[in-house]
C-alpha cells in the first residue's frame, strides 16, 4: 500500500512549518509507502523556501499551481499523487503521532470503503474568546471542529468528514474531482468543495468509514478568532448556497434580510448575551453572501 498525503497552501508559511514539523515527528508505519504532495498555490511569502527546507526530511513531491483556488490546487495534487489513497490535510494543523498509522490500519481493515475521515480538534493560539466559547455549537463549523465519537461508524447520508482530515481512494478521487467554482480562492471563503465531492461519491454507492484514532489539531491564529472572520465565513456559505442552488429567493429579499440582521447584530452585541447577537451575525452574513451571489449572477455586481 502507498499513501499520498496532500497539502494545498497559500501564504501561510509560519503555520505550514508547524504542520510539517508534526509530520516529521509522527510515526511512520513500516508496512506502507508514502509521499507528501505539497501544492503551492501562487504564494507570495516564503512558502517555497519553507517547503524546500524539508526536502531532506520528508518525501516531498512539490507542485506549483498557477491557477488560484483551493479546488485547482486539489486537482493538481490528484494529478501528482501516486498512492493508492490520497490523505488530505491543511497547512494549519498538527497531526497526532499515530495519525498516519490510524489511516493505514483503516484502509487495510476496510478495503471496500472509498472515503474515510478523522477527528479535528481546534486549538486557539491566543485562547478561545468568551463569545465563541459561549456559542460554540453555532461557531464550530467556522473552525472545522469535527468529532463523530470514539467508535468506527459508517459515513454517508449527509454525515461526512471535514477538509482538514479525510482520505479518498485514489481511483475514486480521480473520478470525482473538485469544482473550481467552489472552495477558497485567495482570501475568498466559499466552501463546500470537499463536501460536494464526498456527497457525489456517497450517492454513487461508495462506502465511508469514520476512524476515531486518526486525529489532528487545527491551529486557530488570533486573527481568525474574530467577528470579522466568522462573518466572512458565513458570507462565503451564503454565496455557496446560491451557487449550489440551495436557496430560492430574490436579491431584494436577501438584501432586506441582511440589513435587518446586521442592525440587530450591531445593537444587540452591546446589550444582549452572545447567543442572541451571534445568531444575527450569522444570519446577516449568510444573507449578505446570498445577495452578492444573486447580484453577480444577474450581472449587476
C-alpha atoms as a PDB file:
ATOM      1  CA  UNK A   1       0.000   0.000   0.000  1.00  0.00           C
ATOM      2  CA  UNK A   2       1.135   3.561  -0.714  1.00  0.00           C
ATOM      3  CA  UNK A   3      -0.455   6.723   0.708  1.00  0.00           C
ATOM      4  CA  UNK A   4      -0.199  10.200  -0.807  1.00  0.00           C
ATOM      5  CA  UNK A   5      -0.507  12.867   1.884  1.00  0.00           C
ATOM      6  CA  UNK A   6      -1.674  16.091   0.221  1.00  0.00           C
ATOM      7  CA  UNK A   7      -1.461  19.695   1.423  1.00  0.00           C
ATOM      8  CA  UNK A   8      -2.544  22.725  -0.602  1.00  0.00           C
ATOM      9  CA  UNK A   9      -1.150  26.007   0.686  1.00  0.00           C
ATOM     10  CA  UNK A  10      -1.317  29.736   0.041  1.00  0.00           C
ATOM     11  CA  UNK A  11       0.667  32.331   2.023  1.00  0.00           C
ATOM     12  CA  UNK A  12       0.708  30.624   5.431  1.00  0.00           C
ATOM     13  CA  UNK A  13       4.342  29.666   5.760  1.00  0.00           C
ATOM     14  CA  UNK A  14       4.533  30.011   9.548  1.00  0.00           C
ATOM     15  CA  UNK A  15       1.675  27.592  10.155  1.00  0.00           C
ATOM     16  CA  UNK A  16       2.827  25.335   7.319  1.00  0.00           C
ATOM     17  CA  UNK A  17       6.161  24.938   9.101  1.00  0.00           C
ATOM     18  CA  UNK A  18       4.345  23.751  12.244  1.00  0.00           C
ATOM     19  CA  UNK A  19       2.356  21.280  10.153  1.00  0.00           C
ATOM     20  CA  UNK A  20       5.465  19.874   8.511  1.00  0.00           C
ATOM     21  CA  UNK A  21       7.214  19.614  11.887  1.00  0.00           C
ATOM     22  CA  UNK A  22       4.347  17.461  13.147  1.00  0.00           C
ATOM     23  CA  UNK A  23       4.550  15.238  10.042  1.00  0.00           C
ATOM     24  CA  UNK A  24       8.295  14.796  10.584  1.00  0.00           C
ATOM     25  CA  UNK A  25       7.597  13.740  14.192  1.00  0.00           C
ATOM     26  CA  UNK A  26       4.701  11.335  13.507  1.00  0.00           C
ATOM     27  CA  UNK A  27       5.070   7.556  13.489  1.00  0.00           C
ATOM     28  CA  UNK A  28       5.910   6.161  10.047  1.00  0.00           C
ATOM     29  CA  UNK A  29       4.280   2.722   9.555  1.00  0.00           C
ATOM     30  CA  UNK A  30       6.822   0.317   8.107  1.00  0.00           C
ATOM     31  CA  UNK A  31       4.235  -1.716   6.184  1.00  0.00           C
ATOM     32  CA  UNK A  32       3.363   1.114   3.770  1.00  0.00           C
ATOM     33  CA  UNK A  33       4.985   3.541   1.382  1.00  0.00           C
ATOM     34  CA  UNK A  34       4.068   7.217   1.436  1.00  0.00           C
ATOM     35  CA  UNK A  35       4.765  10.557  -0.168  1.00  0.00           C
ATOM     36  CA  UNK A  36       3.888  14.146   0.703  1.00  0.00           C
ATOM     37  CA  UNK A  37       2.398  16.150  -2.171  1.00  0.00           C
ATOM     38  CA  UNK A  38       2.554  19.884  -1.407  1.00  0.00           C
ATOM     39  CA  UNK A  39       0.836  22.264  -3.817  1.00  0.00           C
ATOM     40  CA  UNK A  40       1.994  25.878  -3.608  1.00  0.00           C
ATOM     41  CA  UNK A  41      -0.921  27.943  -4.938  1.00  0.00           C
ATOM     42  CA  UNK A  42       0.888  31.100  -6.100  1.00  0.00           C
ATOM     43  CA  UNK A  43       2.142  32.024  -2.635  1.00  0.00           C
ATOM     44  CA  UNK A  44       3.951  35.360  -2.376  1.00  0.00           C
ATOM     45  CA  UNK A  45       5.524  34.762   1.039  1.00  0.00           C
ATOM     46  CA  UNK A  46       8.410  32.376   1.780  1.00  0.00           C
ATOM     47  CA  UNK A  47       6.304  29.219   1.314  1.00  0.00           C
ATOM     48  CA  UNK A  48       8.594  27.812  -1.403  1.00  0.00           C
ATOM     49  CA  UNK A  49      11.654  28.247   0.815  1.00  0.00           C
ATOM     50  CA  UNK A  50       9.915  26.613   3.787  1.00  0.00           C
ATOM     51  CA  UNK A  51       8.959  23.584   1.670  1.00  0.00           C
ATOM     52  CA  UNK A  52      12.491  23.344   0.281  1.00  0.00           C
ATOM     53  CA  UNK A  53      13.908  23.228   3.813  1.00  0.00           C
ATOM     54  CA  UNK A  54      12.065  19.947   4.468  1.00  0.00           C
ATOM     55  CA  UNK A  55      13.137  18.141   1.297  1.00  0.00           C
ATOM     56  CA  UNK A  56      15.788  16.147   3.156  1.00  0.00           C
ATOM     57  CA  UNK A  57      13.469  15.033   5.983  1.00  0.00           C
ATOM     58  CA  UNK A  58      10.198  14.350   4.136  1.00  0.00           C
ATOM     59  CA  UNK A  59       9.357  12.561   0.835  1.00  0.00           C
ATOM     60  CA  UNK A  60       8.038  15.754  -0.760  1.00  0.00           C
ATOM     61  CA  UNK A  61       6.568  15.997  -4.243  1.00  0.00           C
ATOM     62  CA  UNK A  62       6.431  19.754  -4.893  1.00  0.00           C
ATOM     63  CA  UNK A  63       3.847  21.262  -7.235  1.00  0.00           C
ATOM     64  CA  UNK A  64       3.376  24.932  -8.135  1.00  0.00           C
ATOM     65  CA  UNK A  65      -0.212  25.639  -9.203  1.00  0.00           C
ATOM     66  CA  UNK A  66      -0.682  28.939 -11.018  1.00  0.00           C
ATOM     67  CA  UNK A  67      -4.498  28.873 -11.102  1.00  0.00           C
ATOM     68  CA  UNK A  68      -5.719  30.492  -7.906  1.00  0.00           C
ATOM     69  CA  UNK A  69      -8.056  28.444  -5.735  1.00  0.00           C
ATOM     70  CA  UNK A  70      -8.155  25.529  -3.337  1.00  0.00           C
ATOM     71  CA  UNK A  71     -10.008  23.313  -5.809  1.00  0.00           C
ATOM     72  CA  UNK A  72      -7.494  23.969  -8.591  1.00  0.00           C
ATOM     73  CA  UNK A  73      -4.747  23.079  -6.118  1.00  0.00           C
ATOM     74  CA  UNK A  74      -6.518  19.899  -5.051  1.00  0.00           C
ATOM     75  CA  UNK A  75      -6.923  18.790  -8.643  1.00  0.00           C
ATOM     76  CA  UNK A  76      -3.207  19.463  -9.188  1.00  0.00           C
ATOM     77  CA  UNK A  77      -2.440  17.239  -6.187  1.00  0.00           C
ATOM     78  CA  UNK A  78      -4.597  14.462  -7.663  1.00  0.00           C
ATOM     79  CA  UNK A  79      -2.608  14.624 -10.901  1.00  0.00           C
ATOM     80  CA  UNK A  80       0.658  14.338  -8.969  1.00  0.00           C
ATOM     81  CA  UNK A  81      -0.335  11.654  -6.451  1.00  0.00           C
ATOM     82  CA  UNK A  82       0.960   8.121  -6.983  1.00  0.00           C
ATOM     83  CA  UNK A  83      -0.521   6.467  -3.893  1.00  0.00           C
ATOM     84  CA  UNK A  84      -3.442   4.070  -3.571  1.00  0.00           C
ATOM     85  CA  UNK A  85      -5.130   6.610  -1.276  1.00  0.00           C
ATOM     86  CA  UNK A  86      -4.976  10.413  -1.071  1.00  0.00           C
ATOM     87  CA  UNK A  87      -4.955  11.638   2.527  1.00  0.00           C
ATOM     88  CA  UNK A  88      -5.917  15.304   2.657  1.00  0.00           C
ATOM     89  CA  UNK A  89      -4.944  17.759   5.346  1.00  0.00           C
ATOM     90  CA  UNK A  90      -4.325  21.514   5.628  1.00  0.00           C
ATOM     91  CA  UNK A  91      -1.461  23.923   6.131  1.00  0.00           C
ATOM     92  CA  UNK A  92      -2.550  24.862   9.665  1.00  0.00           C
ATOM     93  CA  UNK A  93      -2.736  21.555  11.535  1.00  0.00           C
ATOM     94  CA  UNK A  94      -0.614  19.464  13.870  1.00  0.00           C
ATOM     95  CA  UNK A  95      -1.140  15.775  13.238  1.00  0.00           C
ATOM     96  CA  UNK A  96      -1.122  13.359  16.176  1.00  0.00           C
ATOM     97  CA  UNK A  97       1.747  10.885  16.328  1.00  0.00           C
ATOM     98  CA  UNK A  98      -0.440   7.935  15.278  1.00  0.00           C
ATOM     99  CA  UNK A  99      -2.387   9.786  12.580  1.00  0.00           C
ATOM    100  CA  UNK A 100      -0.880   8.135   9.507  1.00  0.00           C
ATOM    101  CA  UNK A 101      -0.826   4.707  11.177  1.00  0.00           C
ATOM    102  CA  UNK A 102      -4.537   5.010  12.013  1.00  0.00           C
ATOM    103  CA  UNK A 103      -5.351   5.680   8.361  1.00  0.00           C
ATOM    104  CA  UNK A 104      -3.120   2.839   7.155  1.00  0.00           C
ATOM    105  CA  UNK A 105      -4.876   0.460   9.568  1.00  0.00           C
ATOM    106  CA  UNK A 106      -8.290   1.726   8.466  1.00  0.00           C
ATOM    107  CA  UNK A 107      -7.501   1.285   4.769  1.00  0.00           C
ATOM    108  CA  UNK A 108      -6.340  -2.280   5.395  1.00  0.00           C
ATOM    109  CA  UNK A 109      -9.361  -3.114   7.571  1.00  0.00           C
ATOM    110  CA  UNK A 110     -11.912  -1.659   5.117  1.00  0.00           C
ATOM    111  CA  UNK A 111     -10.591  -2.271   1.586  1.00  0.00           C
ATOM    112  CA  UNK A 112     -14.118  -1.917   0.192  1.00  0.00           C
ATOM    113  CA  UNK A 113     -14.508   1.657   1.522  1.00  0.00           C
ATOM    114  CA  UNK A 114     -13.794   4.656  -0.708  1.00  0.00           C
ATOM    115  CA  UNK A 115     -13.563   7.510   1.807  1.00  0.00           C
ATOM    116  CA  UNK A 116     -12.519   7.997   5.417  1.00  0.00           C
ATOM    117  CA  UNK A 117     -12.309  10.749   7.999  1.00  0.00           C
ATOM    118  CA  UNK A 118     -10.981  11.528  11.452  1.00  0.00           C
ATOM    119  CA  UNK A 119     -11.253  13.878  14.410  1.00  0.00           C
ATOM    120  CA  UNK A 120     -10.372  17.591  14.145  1.00  0.00           C
ATOM    121  CA  UNK A 121      -9.822  19.494  17.404  1.00  0.00           C
ATOM    122  CA  UNK A 122      -9.457  23.285  17.121  1.00  0.00           C
ATOM    123  CA  UNK A 123      -6.721  24.866  19.255  1.00  0.00           C
ATOM    124  CA  UNK A 124      -6.882  28.652  19.662  1.00  0.00           C
ATOM    125  CA  UNK A 125      -3.363  30.069  19.800  1.00  0.00           C
ATOM    126  CA  UNK A 126      -4.370  33.045  21.949  1.00  0.00           C
ATOM    127  CA  UNK A 127      -7.129  31.240  23.849  1.00  0.00           C
ATOM    128  CA  UNK A 128     -10.752  30.934  22.834  1.00  0.00           C
ATOM    129  CA  UNK A 129     -12.716  34.212  23.167  1.00  0.00           C
ATOM    130  CA  UNK A 130     -15.617  34.069  25.619  1.00  0.00           C
ATOM    131  CA  UNK A 131     -18.228  34.819  22.976  1.00  0.00           C
ATOM    132  CA  UNK A 132     -17.050  31.940  20.762  1.00  0.00           C
ATOM    133  CA  UNK A 133     -16.947  29.542  23.701  1.00  0.00           C
ATOM    134  CA  UNK A 134     -20.480  30.593  24.712  1.00  0.00           C
ATOM    135  CA  UNK A 135     -21.803  29.960  21.179  1.00  0.00           C
ATOM    136  CA  UNK A 136     -19.649  27.001  20.245  1.00  0.00           C
ATOM    137  CA  UNK A 137     -22.412  24.923  18.647  1.00  0.00           C
ATOM    138  CA  UNK A 138     -23.107  27.813  16.268  1.00  0.00           C
ATOM    139  CA  UNK A 139     -19.451  28.698  15.634  1.00  0.00           C
ATOM    140  CA  UNK A 140     -17.705  25.332  15.474  1.00  0.00           C
ATOM    141  CA  UNK A 141     -18.202  24.849  11.691  1.00  0.00           C
ATOM    142  CA  UNK A 142     -16.173  28.045  11.190  1.00  0.00           C
ATOM    143  CA  UNK A 143     -13.183  26.392  12.851  1.00  0.00           C
ATOM    144  CA  UNK A 144     -13.656  22.944  11.253  1.00  0.00           C
ATOM    145  CA  UNK A 145     -14.323  21.110  14.518  1.00  0.00           C
ATOM    146  CA  UNK A 146     -15.325  17.505  13.762  1.00  0.00           C
ATOM    147  CA  UNK A 147     -15.841  14.689  16.250  1.00  0.00           C
ATOM    148  CA  UNK A 148     -18.136  11.763  15.493  1.00  0.00           C
ATOM    149  CA  UNK A 149     -17.174   9.721  18.538  1.00  0.00           C
ATOM    150  CA  UNK A 150     -14.734   7.079  19.690  1.00  0.00           C
ATOM    151  CA  UNK A 151     -16.020   4.164  17.607  1.00  0.00           C
ATOM    152  CA  UNK A 152     -15.790   3.390  13.927  1.00  0.00           C
ATOM    153  CA  UNK A 153     -19.058   4.244  12.190  1.00  0.00           C
ATOM    154  CA  UNK A 154     -20.264   4.372   8.608  1.00  0.00           C
ATOM    155  CA  UNK A 155     -20.067   7.735   6.876  1.00  0.00           C
ATOM    156  CA  UNK A 156     -22.619   8.892   4.322  1.00  0.00           C
ATOM    157  CA  UNK A 157     -26.210  10.089   4.078  1.00  0.00           C
ATOM    158  CA  UNK A 158     -25.156  13.643   4.905  1.00  0.00           C
ATOM    159  CA  UNK A 159     -22.535  12.709   7.515  1.00  0.00           C
ATOM    160  CA  UNK A 160     -19.081  13.424   6.102  1.00  0.00           C
ATOM    161  CA  UNK A 161     -15.582  14.266   7.325  1.00  0.00           C
ATOM    162  CA  UNK A 162     -14.175  17.784   7.041  1.00  0.00           C
ATOM    163  CA  UNK A 163     -11.472  19.043   4.733  1.00  0.00           C
ATOM    164  CA  UNK A 164      -8.548  19.150   7.169  1.00  0.00           C
ATOM    165  CA  UNK A 165      -8.696  15.416   7.854  1.00  0.00           C
ATOM    166  CA  UNK A 166     -10.094  12.992   5.290  1.00  0.00           C
ATOM    167  CA  UNK A 167      -8.957  10.443   2.717  1.00  0.00           C
ATOM    168  CA  UNK A 168     -10.284   9.096  -0.568  1.00  0.00           C
ATOM    169  CA  UNK A 169      -9.182   6.038  -2.506  1.00  0.00           C
ATOM    170  CA  UNK A 170      -7.206   7.404  -5.448  1.00  0.00           C
ATOM    171  CA  UNK A 171      -9.137   5.700  -8.239  1.00  0.00           C
ATOM    172  CA  UNK A 172     -12.367   7.116  -6.831  1.00  0.00           C
ATOM    173  CA  UNK A 173     -10.843  10.558  -6.269  1.00  0.00           C
ATOM    174  CA  UNK A 174      -9.672  10.664  -9.876  1.00  0.00           C
ATOM    175  CA  UNK A 175     -13.268  10.048 -10.997  1.00  0.00           C
ATOM    176  CA  UNK A 176     -14.684  12.748  -8.687  1.00  0.00           C
ATOM    177  CA  UNK A 177     -12.562  15.872  -8.873  1.00  0.00           C
ATOM    178  CA  UNK A 178     -13.142  19.305  -7.352  1.00  0.00           C
ATOM    179  CA  UNK A 179     -15.406  22.019  -8.759  1.00  0.00           C
ATOM    180  CA  UNK A 180     -13.301  25.139  -9.358  1.00  0.00           C
ATOM    181  CA  UNK A 181     -16.341  27.349  -8.746  1.00  0.00           C
ATOM    182  CA  UNK A 182     -16.268  26.277  -5.090  1.00  0.00           C
ATOM    183  CA  UNK A 183     -13.672  26.411  -2.346  1.00  0.00           C
ATOM    184  CA  UNK A 184     -11.435  29.190  -1.163  1.00  0.00           C
ATOM    185  CA  UNK A 185      -9.666  31.431  -3.629  1.00  0.00           C
ATOM    186  CA  UNK A 186      -7.005  33.658  -2.085  1.00  0.00           C
ATOM    187  CA  UNK A 187      -8.909  35.451   0.708  1.00  0.00           C
ATOM    188  CA  UNK A 188     -12.369  34.436  -0.589  1.00  0.00           C
ATOM    189  CA  UNK A 189     -14.199  31.961   1.618  1.00  0.00           C
ATOM    190  CA  UNK A 190     -16.539  29.881  -0.488  1.00  0.00           C
ATOM    191  CA  UNK A 191     -16.978  26.423   0.974  1.00  0.00           C
ATOM    192  CA  UNK A 192     -18.476  23.020   0.187  1.00  0.00           C
ATOM    193  CA  UNK A 193     -15.636  21.890  -2.084  1.00  0.00           C
ATOM    194  CA  UNK A 194     -14.839  18.596  -0.358  1.00  0.00           C
ATOM    195  CA  UNK A 195     -18.399  18.091   0.923  1.00  0.00           C
ATOM    196  CA  UNK A 196     -19.721  18.369  -2.628  1.00  0.00           C
ATOM    197  CA  UNK A 197     -17.266  15.705  -3.792  1.00  0.00           C
ATOM    198  CA  UNK A 198     -17.932  13.394  -0.848  1.00  0.00           C
ATOM    199  CA  UNK A 199     -21.684  13.708  -1.408  1.00  0.00           C
ATOM    200  CA  UNK A 200     -21.284  12.649  -5.049  1.00  0.00           C
ATOM    201  CA  UNK A 201     -19.078   9.709  -4.062  1.00  0.00           C
ATOM    202  CA  UNK A 202     -21.654   8.656  -1.476  1.00  0.00           C
ATOM    203  CA  UNK A 203     -24.536   8.991  -3.943  1.00  0.00           C
ATOM    204  CA  UNK A 204     -22.604   6.847  -6.427  1.00  0.00           C
ATOM    205  CA  UNK A 205     -22.832   3.983  -3.909  1.00  0.00           C
ATOM    206  CA  UNK A 206     -19.390   4.112  -2.304  1.00  0.00           C
ATOM    207  CA  UNK A 207     -18.896   3.471   1.412  1.00  0.00           C
ATOM    208  CA  UNK A 208     -17.228   5.696   4.003  1.00  0.00           C
ATOM    209  CA  UNK A 209     -15.727   4.964   7.425  1.00  0.00           C
ATOM    210  CA  UNK A 210     -15.036   7.189  10.460  1.00  0.00           C
ATOM    211  CA  UNK A 211     -11.622   6.471  12.001  1.00  0.00           C
ATOM    212  CA  UNK A 212     -11.659   7.868  15.554  1.00  0.00           C
ATOM    213  CA  UNK A 213      -7.918   7.393  16.110  1.00  0.00           C
ATOM    214  CA  UNK A 214      -6.934   9.404  13.036  1.00  0.00           C
ATOM    215  CA  UNK A 215      -6.789  12.680  14.940  1.00  0.00           C
ATOM    216  CA  UNK A 216      -5.198  16.070  14.475  1.00  0.00           C
ATOM    217  CA  UNK A 217      -5.318  19.588  15.898  1.00  0.00           C
ATOM    218  CA  UNK A 218      -6.462  22.582  13.860  1.00  0.00           C
ATOM    219  CA  UNK A 219      -4.472  25.665  14.858  1.00  0.00           C
ATOM    220  CA  UNK A 220      -6.539  28.881  15.024  1.00  0.00           C
ATOM    221  CA  UNK A 221      -4.454  32.090  14.995  1.00  0.00           C
ATOM    222  CA  UNK A 222      -5.719  35.119  16.898  1.00  0.00           C
ATOM    223  CA  UNK A 223      -6.701  36.928  13.681  1.00  0.00           C
ATOM    224  CA  UNK A 224      -9.262  34.184  12.940  1.00  0.00           C
ATOM    225  CA  UNK A 225     -10.903  34.243  16.377  1.00  0.00           C
ATOM    226  CA  UNK A 226     -12.818  37.402  15.472  1.00  0.00           C
ATOM    227  CA  UNK A 227     -16.297  38.503  14.459  1.00  0.00           C
ATOM    228  CA  UNK A 228     -14.851  39.586  11.107  1.00  0.00           C
ATOM    229  CA  UNK A 229     -13.600  36.097  10.330  1.00  0.00           C
ATOM    230  CA  UNK A 230     -16.880  34.478  11.423  1.00  0.00           C
ATOM    231  CA  UNK A 231     -18.787  36.999   9.285  1.00  0.00           C
ATOM    232  CA  UNK A 232     -16.612  36.272   6.240  1.00  0.00           C
ATOM    233  CA  UNK A 233     -17.053  32.513   6.704  1.00  0.00           C
ATOM    234  CA  UNK A 234     -20.844  32.783   6.641  1.00  0.00           C
ATOM    235  CA  UNK A 235     -20.737  35.248   3.731  1.00  0.00           C
ATOM    236  CA  UNK A 236     -18.901  32.528   1.814  1.00  0.00           C
ATOM    237  CA  UNK A 237     -21.520  29.989   2.872  1.00  0.00           C
ATOM    238  CA  UNK A 238     -24.253  32.284   1.594  1.00  0.00           C
ATOM    239  CA  UNK A 239     -22.512  32.608  -1.768  1.00  0.00           C
ATOM    240  CA  UNK A 240     -22.159  28.832  -1.912  1.00  0.00           C
ATOM    241  CA  UNK A 241     -25.879  28.405  -1.166  1.00  0.00           C
ATOM    242  CA  UNK A 242     -26.697  30.304  -4.345  1.00  0.00           C
ATOM    243  CA  UNK A 243     -24.011  28.615  -6.477  1.00  0.00           C
ATOM    244  CA  UNK A 244     -25.377  25.215  -5.469  1.00  0.00           C
ATOM    245  CA  UNK A 245     -29.000  26.322  -5.845  1.00  0.00           C
ATOM    246  CA  UNK A 246     -29.796  25.522  -2.208  1.00  0.00           C
ATOM    247  CA  UNK A 247     -31.737  28.745  -1.595  1.00  0.00           C
ATOM    248  CA  UNK A 248     -34.621  30.174  -3.578  1.00  0.00           C
ATOM    249  CA  UNK A 249     -35.005  33.901  -3.010  1.00  0.00           C
ATOM    250  CA  UNK A 250     -34.592  37.201  -4.802  1.00  0.00           C
ATOM    251  CA  UNK A 251     -31.720  39.618  -4.364  1.00  0.00           C
ATOM    252  CA  UNK A 252     -34.143  42.136  -2.828  1.00  0.00           C
ATOM    253  CA  UNK A 253     -35.242  39.643  -0.151  1.00  0.00           C
ATOM    254  CA  UNK A 254     -31.638  38.700   0.632  1.00  0.00           C
ATOM    255  CA  UNK A 255     -30.693  42.369   0.953  1.00  0.00           C
ATOM    256  CA  UNK A 256     -33.569  43.096   3.360  1.00  0.00           C
ATOM    257  CA  UNK A 257     -32.609  40.081   5.499  1.00  0.00           C
ATOM    258  CA  UNK A 258     -29.005  41.238   5.536  1.00  0.00           C
ATOM    259  CA  UNK A 259     -29.800  44.797   6.602  1.00  0.00           C
ATOM    260  CA  UNK A 260     -32.321  43.746   9.264  1.00  0.00           C
ATOM    261  CA  UNK A 261     -29.987  41.237  10.879  1.00  0.00           C
ATOM    262  CA  UNK A 262     -26.943  43.467  10.558  1.00  0.00           C
ATOM    263  CA  UNK A 263     -28.678  46.212  12.523  1.00  0.00           C
ATOM    264  CA  UNK A 264     -29.847  43.701  15.137  1.00  0.00           C
ATOM    265  CA  UNK A 265     -26.326  42.301  15.486  1.00  0.00           C
ATOM    266  CA  UNK A 266     -24.729  45.737  15.814  1.00  0.00           C
ATOM    267  CA  UNK A 267     -27.184  46.853  18.506  1.00  0.00           C
ATOM    268  CA  UNK A 268     -27.589  43.627  20.483  1.00  0.00           C
ATOM    269  CA  UNK A 269     -23.860  42.933  20.664  1.00  0.00           C
ATOM    270  CA  UNK A 270     -23.640  45.538  23.428  1.00  0.00           C
ATOM    271  CA  UNK A 271     -26.792  44.713  25.372  1.00  0.00           C
ATOM    272  CA  UNK A 272     -27.589  41.018  24.932  1.00  0.00           C
ATOM    273  CA  UNK A 273     -25.921  37.675  25.538  1.00  0.00           C
ATOM    274  CA  UNK A 274     -23.677  36.270  22.772  1.00  0.00           C
ATOM    275  CA  UNK A 275     -26.125  33.509  21.864  1.00  0.00           C
ATOM    276  CA  UNK A 276     -28.568  36.119  20.588  1.00  0.00           C
ATOM    277  CA  UNK A 277     -26.284  38.530  18.768  1.00  0.00           C
ATOM    278  CA  UNK A 278     -24.132  35.801  17.197  1.00  0.00           C
ATOM    279  CA  UNK A 279     -27.306  34.374  15.644  1.00  0.00           C
ATOM    280  CA  UNK A 280     -27.936  37.756  13.995  1.00  0.00           C
ATOM    281  CA  UNK A 281     -24.281  37.938  12.892  1.00  0.00           C
ATOM    282  CA  UNK A 282     -24.619  34.554  11.186  1.00  0.00           C
ATOM    283  CA  UNK A 283     -27.960  35.292   9.537  1.00  0.00           C
ATOM    284  CA  UNK A 284     -26.792  38.740   8.373  1.00  0.00           C
ATOM    285  CA  UNK A 285     -23.745  37.389   6.624  1.00  0.00           C
ATOM    286  CA  UNK A 286     -25.454  34.357   5.112  1.00  0.00           C
ATOM    287  CA  UNK A 287     -27.897  36.822   3.539  1.00  0.00           C
ATOM    288  CA  UNK A 288     -25.056  39.139   2.540  1.00  0.00           C
ATOM    289  CA  UNK A 289     -23.358  36.311   0.666  1.00  0.00           C
ATOM    290  CA  UNK A 290     -26.614  35.262  -0.974  1.00  0.00           C
ATOM    291  CA  UNK A 291     -27.268  38.849  -2.057  1.00  0.00           C
ATOM    292  CA  UNK A 292     -23.768  39.201  -3.511  1.00  0.00           C
ATOM    293  CA  UNK A 293     -24.061  35.951  -5.455  1.00  0.00           C
ATOM    294  CA  UNK A 294     -27.541  36.782  -6.745  1.00  0.00           C
ATOM    295  CA  UNK A 295     -26.429  40.212  -7.924  1.00  0.00           C
ATOM    296  CA  UNK A 296     -23.344  38.758  -9.553  1.00  0.00           C
ATOM    297  CA  UNK A 297     -25.358  36.111 -11.358  1.00  0.00           C
ATOM    298  CA  UNK A 298     -27.601  38.836 -12.754  1.00  0.00           C
ATOM    299  CA  UNK A 299     -24.610  40.868 -13.912  1.00  0.00           C
ATOM    300  CA  UNK A 300     -25.314  43.761 -11.551  1.00  0.00           C
ATOM    301  CA  UNK A 301     -22.367  43.313  -9.166  1.00  0.00           C
END
